């Protein structure tokens, strides 16, 4: 993980955040309750959208992103504890969290299936997993374009895969899918599910 990508991330994302992502985040994060685990919290763009009553534990593998999240921690309405770590190796006991949140992060996790297995482990029975992700599109031409661009895109954007099928990974992990909303012709999905075990 380099230092240049965290330095420009918020600037690159600002137009999308203003136009569309802000409302998506507000709606999705309003559903987070209890003890919340946020996976790959990045620059903390979600932090101001959490509502009472909840307490957020955030995990992020890039120390530069953590440094860039301090302002958003200060602007949060709820307590935020942030830790350096990987989604595939969550340092928490089984059944620790009421809600797990991931937004625009599964594209960069090196082993997304292992991360989902560990999320399944730390999420309480009946607990919610909410995601906002860009995914492989269900379009014969556009999905092939995503496949072709992904090797270069990964190098430019800190490991980001354009062609992840995150919904299938979530389904295969054993989560019960409650709701899926598709945006931008299937490029972005919000996924609400829960751990029914």
Protein backbone atom coordinates (compact mmCIF):
# COMPACT_ATOMS: atom_id res chain seq x y z
CA UNK A 1 0.00 0.00 0.00
CA UNK A 2 1.49 3.27 -1.07
CA UNK A 3 1.22 6.76 0.37
CA UNK A 4 0.14 8.63 -2.75
CA UNK A 5 -3.28 6.96 -3.09
CA UNK A 6 -4.49 7.87 0.43
CA UNK A 7 -3.29 11.44 -0.17
CA UNK A 8 -5.55 11.91 -3.22
CA UNK A 9 -8.42 9.54 -2.40
CA UNK A 10 -10.84 12.10 -0.95
CA UNK A 11 -10.16 14.54 -3.80
CA UNK A 12 -10.79 11.86 -6.43
CA UNK A 13 -14.00 10.75 -4.77
CA UNK A 14 -15.41 14.20 -3.96
CA UNK A 15 -17.58 14.59 -7.12
CA UNK A 16 -19.19 11.17 -6.61
CA UNK A 17 -19.68 11.82 -2.90
CA UNK A 18 -21.48 15.11 -3.58
CA UNK A 19 -23.65 13.79 -6.41
CA UNK A 20 -24.76 10.36 -5.23
CA UNK A 21 -22.74 8.59 -2.58
CA UNK A 22 -23.66 10.95 0.27
CA UNK A 23 -27.32 9.91 0.19
CA UNK A 24 -26.44 6.23 -0.19
CA UNK A 25 -24.16 6.37 2.83
CA UNK A 26 -26.70 8.28 4.91
CA UNK A 27 -29.42 5.74 4.16
CA UNK A 28 -27.27 2.65 4.67
CA UNK A 29 -25.43 3.80 7.80
CA UNK A 30 -28.68 4.87 9.43
CA UNK A 31 -29.40 1.13 9.67
CA UNK A 32 -26.27 0.42 11.75
CA UNK A 33 -27.09 -0.23 15.41
CA UNK A 34 -25.41 -1.47 18.58
CA UNK A 35 -21.74 -2.37 18.46
CA UNK A 36 -20.71 -1.76 14.84
CA UNK A 37 -17.64 -3.06 13.02
CA UNK A 38 -16.62 -1.08 9.94
CA UNK A 39 -14.35 -2.95 7.53
CA UNK A 40 -11.73 -0.88 5.67
CA UNK A 41 -12.77 2.50 7.04
CA UNK A 42 -10.33 4.39 4.79
CA UNK A 43 -10.40 8.13 5.37
CA UNK A 44 -13.44 7.81 7.62
CA UNK A 45 -15.95 9.19 5.12
CA UNK A 46 -18.69 7.11 6.80
CA UNK A 47 -18.01 8.34 10.33
CA UNK A 48 -20.20 11.49 10.27
CA UNK A 49 -23.20 9.45 9.06
CA UNK A 50 -23.47 7.08 12.02
CA UNK A 51 -26.38 7.86 14.32
CA UNK A 52 -27.03 7.24 18.00
CA UNK A 53 -27.16 4.76 19.57
CA UNK A 54 -24.15 2.87 18.28
CA UNK A 55 -20.44 2.50 18.98
CA UNK A 56 -18.16 1.95 16.00
CA UNK A 57 -15.00 -0.14 15.92
CA UNK A 58 -13.22 0.47 12.61
CA UNK A 59 -10.44 -1.58 11.07
CA UNK A 60 -8.18 -0.28 8.29
CA UNK A 61 -4.99 -1.84 6.84
CA UNK A 62 -3.37 1.41 5.64
CA UNK A 63 -1.85 3.69 8.32
CA UNK A 64 -1.95 6.67 5.95
CA UNK A 65 -5.71 6.25 5.56
CA UNK A 66 -6.05 6.14 9.35
CA UNK A 67 -4.11 9.40 9.66
CA UNK A 68 -6.40 10.98 7.08
CA UNK A 69 -9.51 9.89 9.00
CA UNK A 70 -8.89 11.93 12.17
CA UNK A 71 -11.04 14.89 11.13
CA UNK A 72 -13.95 12.59 10.38
CA UNK A 73 -13.53 10.89 13.75
CA UNK A 74 -13.82 14.31 15.40
CA UNK A 75 -16.97 15.08 13.35
CA UNK A 76 -18.72 11.85 14.32
CA UNK A 77 -21.80 11.86 16.53
CA UNK A 78 -20.87 8.44 17.96
CA UNK A 79 -17.73 6.96 19.55
CA UNK A 80 -15.22 5.69 16.97
CA UNK A 81 -12.33 3.36 17.82
CA UNK A 82 -10.01 2.73 14.88
CA UNK A 83 -7.40 -0.01 14.62
CA UNK A 84 -4.77 -1.06 12.10
CA UNK A 85 -5.63 -4.49 10.73
CA UNK A 86 -6.86 -6.70 7.92
CA UNK A 87 -10.40 -7.86 7.16
CA UNK A 88 -9.16 -11.42 6.69
CA UNK A 89 -7.71 -11.54 10.23
CA UNK A 90 -10.20 -9.80 12.51
CA UNK A 91 -8.82 -9.71 16.06
CA UNK A 92 -12.24 -10.10 17.71
CA UNK A 93 -14.11 -12.87 19.48
CA UNK A 94 -16.95 -14.80 17.87
CA UNK A 95 -20.36 -13.09 17.98
CA UNK A 96 -18.92 -9.70 18.99
CA UNK A 97 -20.85 -7.25 16.77
CA UNK A 98 -24.47 -6.32 16.11
CA UNK A 99 -23.75 -4.75 12.70
CA UNK A 100 -20.90 -4.96 10.20
CA UNK A 101 -20.48 -2.20 7.59
CA UNK A 102 -18.38 -2.23 4.42
CA UNK A 103 -18.50 0.50 1.78
CA UNK A 104 -16.40 0.47 -1.38
CA UNK A 105 -13.87 -1.83 0.23
CA UNK A 106 -14.41 -5.39 -1.00
CA UNK A 107 -12.85 -4.42 -4.31
CA UNK A 108 -9.46 -4.06 -2.59
CA UNK A 109 -9.44 -6.88 -0.04
CA UNK A 110 -6.85 -9.46 -1.22
CA UNK A 111 -8.92 -12.47 -0.08
CA UNK A 112 -12.58 -11.36 0.03
CA UNK A 113 -13.94 -14.84 0.81
CA UNK A 114 -11.70 -15.18 3.85
CA UNK A 115 -12.78 -11.69 4.98
CA UNK A 116 -16.47 -12.62 4.66
CA UNK A 117 -15.89 -15.84 6.58
CA UNK A 118 -14.32 -13.87 9.41
CA UNK A 119 -17.12 -11.27 9.32
CA UNK A 120 -19.60 -14.16 9.59
CA UNK A 121 -17.69 -15.39 12.64
CA UNK A 122 -17.65 -12.08 14.55
CA UNK A 123 -21.23 -11.05 13.68
CA UNK A 124 -23.87 -12.08 16.22
CA UNK A 125 -26.67 -14.44 15.15
CA UNK A 126 -29.35 -12.17 13.70
CA UNK A 127 -26.80 -9.38 13.26
CA UNK A 128 -26.79 -7.24 10.10
CA UNK A 129 -24.19 -6.90 7.37
CA UNK A 130 -24.66 -3.83 5.16
CA UNK A 131 -22.52 -3.14 2.09
CA UNK A 132 -22.16 -0.55 -0.64
CA UNK A 133 -19.84 -1.85 -3.34
CA UNK A 134 -18.94 -1.50 -6.99
CA UNK A 135 -19.13 -4.88 -8.69
CA UNK A 136 -18.79 -6.78 -11.94
CA UNK A 137 -21.64 -5.65 -14.18
CA UNK A 138 -24.22 -8.07 -15.56
CA UNK A 139 -23.60 -6.93 -19.12
CA UNK A 140 -21.67 -8.99 -21.70
CA UNK A 141 -19.62 -6.11 -23.09
CA UNK A 142 -19.14 -3.96 -19.98
CA UNK A 143 -18.15 -6.91 -17.80
CA UNK A 144 -15.49 -7.92 -20.34
CA UNK A 145 -14.23 -4.33 -20.33
CA UNK A 146 -14.02 -4.45 -16.53
CA UNK A 147 -12.03 -7.70 -16.78
CA UNK A 148 -9.64 -6.17 -19.31
CA UNK A 149 -9.07 -2.99 -17.30
CA UNK A 150 -8.68 -4.61 -13.88
CA UNK A 151 -4.93 -5.49 -14.05
CA UNK A 152 -3.96 -1.87 -14.81
CA UNK A 153 -6.60 -0.46 -12.47
CA UNK A 154 -5.26 -2.57 -9.59
CA UNK A 155 -1.80 -1.06 -10.04
CA UNK A 156 -3.11 2.49 -10.25
CA UNK A 157 -5.70 2.31 -7.47
CA UNK A 158 -4.07 0.47 -4.59
CA UNK A 159 -5.31 -3.03 -5.47
CA UNK A 160 -8.87 -2.17 -6.52
CA UNK A 161 -10.59 -4.84 -8.65
CA UNK A 162 -13.23 -3.57 -11.06
CA UNK A 163 -14.70 -7.03 -11.59
CA UNK A 164 -15.52 -8.51 -8.19
CA UNK A 165 -18.79 -10.46 -7.87
CA UNK A 166 -19.32 -9.44 -4.25
CA UNK A 167 -23.00 -10.39 -4.08
CA UNK A 168 -22.26 -14.02 -4.98
CA UNK A 169 -19.46 -14.12 -2.40
CA UNK A 170 -21.86 -12.82 0.28
CA UNK A 171 -24.52 -15.38 -0.69
CA UNK A 172 -21.98 -18.22 -0.61
CA UNK A 173 -20.85 -17.28 2.89
CA UNK A 174 -24.23 -18.11 4.39
CA UNK A 175 -25.72 -14.68 4.92
CA UNK A 176 -29.44 -14.24 4.35
CA UNK A 177 -29.93 -11.52 1.72
CA UNK A 178 -32.68 -9.15 2.78
CA UNK A 179 -32.43 -6.45 0.11
CA UNK A 180 -30.26 -5.55 -2.89
CA UNK A 181 -30.47 -2.23 -4.72
CA UNK A 182 -28.68 -1.69 -8.02
CA UNK A 183 -27.44 1.67 -9.32
CA UNK A 184 -25.66 2.92 -12.44
CA UNK A 185 -26.77 -0.05 -14.56
CA UNK A 186 -25.49 -2.54 -11.99
CA UNK A 187 -22.07 -1.01 -11.40
CA UNK A 188 -22.94 -0.26 -7.75
CA UNK A 189 -24.94 -2.35 -5.29
CA UNK A 190 -26.19 -1.82 -1.78
CA UNK A 191 -26.67 -5.12 0.00
CA UNK A 192 -28.51 -5.62 3.28
CA UNK A 193 -28.26 -9.06 4.84
CA UNK A 194 -28.07 -10.76 8.17
CA UNK A 195 -26.43 -13.69 9.88
CA UNK A 196 -29.21 -16.22 10.50
CA UNK A 197 -27.11 -18.86 12.27
